[in-house]
């Protein structure tokens, strides 16, 4: 199933999954969707650890990070 969203995100399916769980992010991306890690509760150090883990397990698939930037 191809769409403009699929082309833009370089995924197979127009499916995004927002999760605080790194395992879910990896599995969604590996299955052809776009996993997004919710990073609000992380310190800079813990976020770096989570992102390193994701990078080691995701097999080069795309994923996103959901941040809240204060105004």
PDB file of N, CA and C in Angstrom:
ATOM      1  N   UNK A   1       0.857  -1.171   0.000  1.00  0.00           N
ATOM      2  CA  UNK A   1       0.000   0.000   0.000  1.00  0.00           C
ATOM      3  C   UNK A   1       0.902   1.233   0.000  1.00  0.00           C
ATOM      4  N   UNK A   2       0.986   1.891  -1.106  1.00  0.00           N
ATOM      5  CA  UNK A   2       1.827   3.082  -1.205  1.00  0.00           C
ATOM      6  C   UNK A   2       0.978   4.345  -1.183  1.00  0.00           C
ATOM      7  N   UNK A   3       1.532   5.361  -0.579  1.00  0.00           N
ATOM      8  CA  UNK A   3       0.878   6.668  -0.520  1.00  0.00           C
ATOM      9  C   UNK A   3       1.966   7.728  -0.431  1.00  0.00           C
ATOM     10  N   UNK A   4       1.576   8.977  -0.482  1.00  0.00           N
ATOM     11  CA  UNK A   4       2.546  10.061  -0.332  1.00  0.00           C
ATOM     12  C   UNK A   4       3.210  10.005   1.038  1.00  0.00           C
ATOM     13  N   UNK A   5       2.450   9.626   2.056  1.00  0.00           N
ATOM     14  CA  UNK A   5       3.018   9.501   3.406  1.00  0.00           C
ATOM     15  C   UNK A   5       4.079   8.412   3.424  1.00  0.00           C
ATOM     16  N   UNK A   6       3.797   7.284   2.784  1.00  0.00           N
ATOM     17  CA  UNK A   6       4.784   6.204   2.720  1.00  0.00           C
ATOM     18  C   UNK A   6       6.065   6.670   2.042  1.00  0.00           C
ATOM     19  N   UNK A   7       5.919   7.376   0.947  1.00  0.00           N
ATOM     20  CA  UNK A   7       7.095   7.881   0.237  1.00  0.00           C
ATOM     21  C   UNK A   7       7.867   8.882   1.090  1.00  0.00           C
ATOM     22  N   UNK A   8       7.148   9.751   1.766  1.00  0.00           N
ATOM     23  CA  UNK A   8       7.785  10.780   2.583  1.00  0.00           C
ATOM     24  C   UNK A   8       8.555  10.170   3.759  1.00  0.00           C
ATOM     25  N   UNK A   9       7.978   9.143   4.405  1.00  0.00           N
ATOM     26  CA  UNK A   9       8.610   8.530   5.578  1.00  0.00           C
ATOM     27  C   UNK A   9       9.476   7.327   5.222  1.00  0.00           C
ATOM     28  N   UNK A  10       9.475   6.922   3.951  1.00  0.00           N
ATOM     29  CA  UNK A  10      10.223   5.759   3.472  1.00  0.00           C
ATOM     30  C   UNK A  10       9.803   4.492   4.212  1.00  0.00           C
ATOM     31  N   UNK A  11       8.475   4.257   4.251  1.00  0.00           N
ATOM     32  CA  UNK A  11       7.913   3.076   4.905  1.00  0.00           C
ATOM     33  C   UNK A  11       7.027   2.324   3.913  1.00  0.00           C
ATOM     34  N   UNK A  12       6.664   1.077   4.273  1.00  0.00           N
ATOM     35  CA  UNK A  12       5.808   0.259   3.419  1.00  0.00           C
ATOM     36  C   UNK A  12       4.329   0.548   3.621  1.00  0.00           C
ATOM     37  N   UNK A  13       3.947   0.865   4.845  1.00  0.00           N
ATOM     38  CA  UNK A  13       2.542   1.044   5.196  1.00  0.00           C
ATOM     39  C   UNK A  13       2.328   2.400   5.869  1.00  0.00           C
ATOM     40  N   UNK A  14       1.199   3.048   5.615  1.00  0.00           N
ATOM     41  CA  UNK A  14       0.921   4.347   6.248  1.00  0.00           C
ATOM     42  C   UNK A  14       0.433   4.163   7.683  1.00  0.00           C
ATOM     43  N   UNK A  15       1.305   3.626   8.518  1.00  0.00           N
ATOM     44  CA  UNK A  15       0.977   3.322   9.907  1.00  0.00           C
ATOM     45  C   UNK A  15       2.032   3.937  10.811  1.00  0.00           C
ATOM     46  N   UNK A  16       1.613   4.778  11.738  1.00  0.00           N
ATOM     47  CA  UNK A  16       2.513   5.358  12.737  1.00  0.00           C
ATOM     48  C   UNK A  16       2.089   4.856  14.106  1.00  0.00           C
ATOM     49  N   UNK A  17       3.048   4.517  14.926  1.00  0.00           N
ATOM     50  CA  UNK A  17       2.758   4.067  16.286  1.00  0.00           C
ATOM     51  C   UNK A  17       3.609   4.881  17.252  1.00  0.00           C
ATOM     52  N   UNK A  18       2.948   5.648  18.100  1.00  0.00           N
ATOM     53  CA  UNK A  18       3.626   6.450  19.111  1.00  0.00           C
ATOM     54  C   UNK A  18       3.663   5.646  20.398  1.00  0.00           C
ATOM     55  N   UNK A  19       4.852   5.454  20.967  1.00  0.00           N
ATOM     56  CA  UNK A  19       4.980   4.637  22.168  1.00  0.00           C
ATOM     57  C   UNK A  19       6.133   5.139  23.022  1.00  0.00           C
ATOM     58  N   UNK A  20       6.035   4.890  24.316  1.00  0.00           N
ATOM     59  CA  UNK A  20       7.148   5.171  25.223  1.00  0.00           C
ATOM     60  C   UNK A  20       8.077   3.964  25.304  1.00  0.00           C
ATOM     61  N   UNK A  21       7.673   2.866  24.678  1.00  0.00           N
ATOM     62  CA  UNK A  21       8.415   1.601  24.752  1.00  0.00           C
ATOM     63  C   UNK A  21       9.290   1.429  23.513  1.00  0.00           C
ATOM     64  N   UNK A  22      10.582   1.373  23.721  1.00  0.00           N
ATOM     65  CA  UNK A  22      11.517   1.258  22.599  1.00  0.00           C
ATOM     66  C   UNK A  22      11.284  -0.010  21.786  1.00  0.00           C
ATOM     67  N   UNK A  23      10.853  -1.096  22.447  1.00  0.00           N
ATOM     68  CA  UNK A  23      10.605  -2.354  21.737  1.00  0.00           C
ATOM     69  C   UNK A  23       9.476  -2.201  20.716  1.00  0.00           C
ATOM     70  N   UNK A  24       8.426  -1.477  21.091  1.00  0.00           N
ATOM     71  CA  UNK A  24       7.301  -1.250  20.184  1.00  0.00           C
ATOM     72  C   UNK A  24       7.751  -0.414  18.994  1.00  0.00           C
ATOM     73  N   UNK A  25       8.527   0.617  19.250  1.00  0.00           N
ATOM     74  CA  UNK A  25       9.039   1.473  18.174  1.00  0.00           C
ATOM     75  C   UNK A  25       9.817   0.635  17.162  1.00  0.00           C
ATOM     76  N   UNK A  26      10.696  -0.214  17.648  1.00  0.00           N
ATOM     77  CA  UNK A  26      11.513  -1.056  16.769  1.00  0.00           C
ATOM     78  C   UNK A  26      10.646  -2.024  15.973  1.00  0.00           C
ATOM     79  N   UNK A  27       9.724  -2.707  16.637  1.00  0.00           N
ATOM     80  CA  UNK A  27       8.922  -3.718  15.947  1.00  0.00           C
ATOM     81  C   UNK A  27       7.991  -3.106  14.906  1.00  0.00           C
ATOM     82  N   UNK A  28       7.416  -1.954  15.199  1.00  0.00           N
ATOM     83  CA  UNK A  28       6.554  -1.287  14.215  1.00  0.00           C
ATOM     84  C   UNK A  28       7.373  -0.897  12.986  1.00  0.00           C
ATOM     85  N   UNK A  29       8.537  -0.319  13.201  1.00  0.00           N
ATOM     86  CA  UNK A  29       9.374   0.086  12.068  1.00  0.00           C
ATOM     87  C   UNK A  29       9.865  -1.122  11.276  1.00  0.00           C
ATOM     88  N   UNK A  30      10.256  -2.182  11.958  1.00  0.00           N
ATOM     89  CA  UNK A  30      10.716  -3.383  11.263  1.00  0.00           C
ATOM     90  C   UNK A  30       9.597  -4.048  10.473  1.00  0.00           C
ATOM     91  N   UNK A  31       8.343  -3.851  10.899  1.00  0.00           N
ATOM     92  CA  UNK A  31       7.195  -4.432  10.203  1.00  0.00           C
ATOM     93  C   UNK A  31       6.735  -3.580   9.022  1.00  0.00           C
ATOM     94  N   UNK A  32       7.370  -2.429   8.805  1.00  0.00           N
ATOM     95  CA  UNK A  32       7.040  -1.606   7.652  1.00  0.00           C
ATOM     96  C   UNK A  32       6.309  -0.322   7.969  1.00  0.00           C
ATOM     97  N   UNK A  33       6.035  -0.071   9.248  1.00  0.00           N
ATOM     98  CA  UNK A  33       5.402   1.181   9.652  1.00  0.00           C
ATOM     99  C   UNK A  33       6.440   2.188  10.113  1.00  0.00           C
ATOM    100  N   UNK A  34       5.974   3.195  10.844  1.00  0.00           N
ATOM    101  CA  UNK A  34       6.860   4.250  11.341  1.00  0.00           C
ATOM    102  C   UNK A  34       6.685   4.343  12.852  1.00  0.00           C
ATOM    103  N   UNK A  35       7.623   3.771  13.590  1.00  0.00           N
ATOM    104  CA  UNK A  35       7.585   3.831  15.046  1.00  0.00           C
ATOM    105  C   UNK A  35       8.087   5.174  15.539  1.00  0.00           C
ATOM    106  N   UNK A  36       7.440   5.692  16.582  1.00  0.00           N
ATOM    107  CA  UNK A  36       7.811   6.992  17.140  1.00  0.00           C
ATOM    108  C   UNK A  36       7.973   6.843  18.647  1.00  0.00           C
ATOM    109  N   UNK A  37       9.147   7.203  19.157  1.00  0.00           N
ATOM    110  CA  UNK A  37       9.420   7.135  20.588  1.00  0.00           C
ATOM    111  C   UNK A  37       8.976   8.417  21.268  1.00  0.00           C
ATOM    112  N   UNK A  38       8.119   8.286  22.263  1.00  0.00           N
ATOM    113  CA  UNK A  38       7.734   9.422  23.093  1.00  0.00           C
ATOM    114  C   UNK A  38       8.853   9.713  24.079  1.00  0.00           C
ATOM    115  N   UNK A  39       9.454  10.879  23.984  1.00  0.00           N
ATOM    116  CA  UNK A  39      10.669  11.177  24.741  1.00  0.00           C
ATOM    117  C   UNK A  39      10.465  12.170  25.873  1.00  0.00           C
ATOM    118  N   UNK A  40       9.219  12.491  26.200  1.00  0.00           N
ATOM    119  CA  UNK A  40       8.953  13.540  27.181  1.00  0.00           C
ATOM    120  C   UNK A  40       9.535  13.226  28.555  1.00  0.00           C
ATOM    121  N   UNK A  41       9.462  11.981  29.001  1.00  0.00           N
ATOM    122  CA  UNK A  41       9.900  11.637  30.351  1.00  0.00           C
ATOM    123  C   UNK A  41      11.381  11.339  30.498  1.00  0.00           C
ATOM    124  N   UNK A  42      12.147  11.504  29.445  1.00  0.00           N
ATOM    125  CA  UNK A  42      13.563  11.142  29.483  1.00  0.00           C
ATOM    126  C   UNK A  42      14.460  12.336  29.795  1.00  0.00           C
ATOM    127  N   UNK A  43      15.530  12.049  30.513  1.00  0.00           N
ATOM    128  CA  UNK A  43      16.617  13.016  30.621  1.00  0.00           C
ATOM    129  C   UNK A  43      17.444  12.900  29.340  1.00  0.00           C
ATOM    130  N   UNK A  44      18.349  13.818  29.133  1.00  0.00           N
ATOM    131  CA  UNK A  44      19.218  13.735  27.952  1.00  0.00           C
ATOM    132  C   UNK A  44      20.002  12.426  27.950  1.00  0.00           C
ATOM    133  N   UNK A  45      20.449  12.002  29.124  1.00  0.00           N
ATOM    134  CA  UNK A  45      21.242  10.780  29.231  1.00  0.00           C
ATOM    135  C   UNK A  45      20.402   9.542  28.942  1.00  0.00           C
ATOM    136  N   UNK A  46      19.204   9.466  29.527  1.00  0.00           N
ATOM    137  CA  UNK A  46      18.377   8.276  29.306  1.00  0.00           C
ATOM    138  C   UNK A  46      17.860   8.228  27.863  1.00  0.00           C
ATOM    139  N   UNK A  47      17.601   9.382  27.268  1.00  0.00           N
ATOM    140  CA  UNK A  47      17.179   9.406  25.869  1.00  0.00           C
ATOM    141  C   UNK A  47      18.302   8.906  24.965  1.00  0.00           C
ATOM    142  N   UNK A  48      19.518   9.298  25.244  1.00  0.00           N
ATOM    143  CA  UNK A  48      20.662   8.824  24.455  1.00  0.00           C
ATOM    144  C   UNK A  48      20.784   7.304  24.539  1.00  0.00           C
ATOM    145  N   UNK A  49      20.569   6.743  25.724  1.00  0.00           N
ATOM    146  CA  UNK A  49      20.625   5.290  25.902  1.00  0.00           C
ATOM    147  C   UNK A  49      19.526   4.612  25.088  1.00  0.00           C
ATOM    148  N   UNK A  50      18.303   5.141  25.160  1.00  0.00           N
ATOM    149  CA  UNK A  50      17.181   4.569  24.412  1.00  0.00           C
ATOM    150  C   UNK A  50      17.434   4.641  22.905  1.00  0.00           C
ATOM    151  N   UNK A  51      17.913   5.776  22.425  1.00  0.00           N
ATOM    152  CA  UNK A  51      18.153   5.939  20.990  1.00  0.00           C
ATOM    153  C   UNK A  51      19.282   5.039  20.506  1.00  0.00           C
ATOM    154  N   UNK A  52      20.315   4.869  21.318  1.00  0.00           N
ATOM    155  CA  UNK A  52      21.393   3.939  20.956  1.00  0.00           C
ATOM    156  C   UNK A  52      20.849   2.519  20.831  1.00  0.00           C
ATOM    157  N   UNK A  53      19.994   2.128  21.791  1.00  0.00           N
ATOM    158  CA  UNK A  53      19.402   0.785  21.760  1.00  0.00           C
ATOM    159  C   UNK A  53      18.551   0.606  20.506  1.00  0.00           C
ATOM    160  N   UNK A  54      17.718   1.590  20.207  1.00  0.00           N
ATOM    161  CA  UNK A  54      16.878   1.520  19.005  1.00  0.00           C
ATOM    162  C   UNK A  54      17.756   1.396  17.763  1.00  0.00           C
ATOM    163  N   UNK A  55      18.776   2.225  17.649  1.00  0.00           N
ATOM    164  CA  UNK A  55      19.666   2.180  16.482  1.00  0.00           C
ATOM    165  C   UNK A  55      20.317   0.808  16.314  1.00  0.00           C
ATOM    166  N   UNK A  56      20.631   0.143  17.417  1.00  0.00           N
ATOM    167  CA  UNK A  56      21.260  -1.178  17.360  1.00  0.00           C
ATOM    168  C   UNK A  56      20.285  -2.273  16.938  1.00  0.00           C
ATOM    169  N   UNK A  57      18.993  -2.071  17.141  1.00  0.00           N
ATOM    170  CA  UNK A  57      18.012  -3.130  16.912  1.00  0.00           C
ATOM    171  C   UNK A  57      17.063  -2.896  15.735  1.00  0.00           C
ATOM    172  N   UNK A  58      17.055  -1.732  15.147  1.00  0.00           N
ATOM    173  CA  UNK A  58      16.021  -1.397  14.162  1.00  0.00           C
ATOM    174  C   UNK A  58      16.398  -1.761  12.723  1.00  0.00           C
ATOM    175  N   UNK A  59      17.630  -2.137  12.502  1.00  0.00           N
ATOM    176  CA  UNK A  59      18.037  -2.592  11.179  1.00  0.00           C
ATOM    177  C   UNK A  59      18.004  -1.526  10.098  1.00  0.00           C
ATOM    178  N   UNK A  60      18.282  -0.284  10.480  1.00  0.00           N
ATOM    179  CA  UNK A  60      18.333   0.788   9.500  1.00  0.00           C
ATOM    180  C   UNK A  60      16.983   1.336   9.066  1.00  0.00           C
ATOM    181  N   UNK A  61      15.901   0.843   9.660  1.00  0.00           N
ATOM    182  CA  UNK A  61      14.559   1.331   9.314  1.00  0.00           C
ATOM    183  C   UNK A  61      14.344   2.719   9.914  1.00  0.00           C
ATOM    184  N   UNK A  62      13.479   3.532   9.303  1.00  0.00           N
ATOM    185  CA  UNK A  62      13.221   4.876   9.839  1.00  0.00           C
ATOM    186  C   UNK A  62      12.346   4.834  11.087  1.00  0.00           C
ATOM    187  N   UNK A  63      12.552   5.820  11.961  1.00  0.00           N
ATOM    188  CA  UNK A  63      11.712   6.003  13.145  1.00  0.00           C
ATOM    189  C   UNK A  63      11.756   7.471  13.533  1.00  0.00           C
ATOM    190  N   UNK A  64      10.884   7.851  14.443  1.00  0.00           N
ATOM    191  CA  UNK A  64      10.824   9.244  14.864  1.00  0.00           C
ATOM    192  C   UNK A  64      10.915   9.380  16.369  1.00  0.00           C
ATOM    193  N   UNK A  65      11.067  10.611  16.811  1.00  0.00           N
ATOM    194  CA  UNK A  65      11.127  10.947  18.236  1.00  0.00           C
ATOM    195  C   UNK A  65      10.122  12.063  18.481  1.00  0.00           C
ATOM    196  N   UNK A  66       9.257  11.855  19.462  1.00  0.00           N
ATOM    197  CA  UNK A  66       8.232  12.838  19.808  1.00  0.00           C
ATOM    198  C   UNK A  66       8.729  13.674  20.985  1.00  0.00           C
ATOM    199  N   UNK A  67       9.026  14.936  20.720  1.00  0.00           N
ATOM    200  CA  UNK A  67       9.519  15.857  21.742  1.00  0.00           C
ATOM    201  C   UNK A  67       8.523  16.990  21.953  1.00  0.00           C
ATOM    202  N   UNK A  68       8.489  17.512  23.143  1.00  0.00           N
ATOM    203  CA  UNK A  68       7.727  18.723  23.424  1.00  0.00           C
ATOM    204  C   UNK A  68       8.738  19.834  23.648  1.00  0.00           C
ATOM    205  N   UNK A  69       8.631  20.877  22.863  1.00  0.00           N
ATOM    206  CA  UNK A  69       9.552  22.002  22.971  1.00  0.00           C
ATOM    207  C   UNK A  69       8.792  23.167  23.604  1.00  0.00           C
ATOM    208  N   UNK A  70       9.239  23.623  24.778  1.00  0.00           N
ATOM    209  CA  UNK A  70       8.527  24.727  25.422  1.00  0.00           C
ATOM    210  C   UNK A  70       8.643  26.018  24.611  1.00  0.00           C
ATOM    211  N   UNK A  71       7.614  26.839  24.717  1.00  0.00           N
ATOM    212  CA  UNK A  71       7.633  28.105  23.980  1.00  0.00           C
ATOM    213  C   UNK A  71       8.230  29.209  24.813  1.00  0.00           C
TER     214      UNK A  71
END
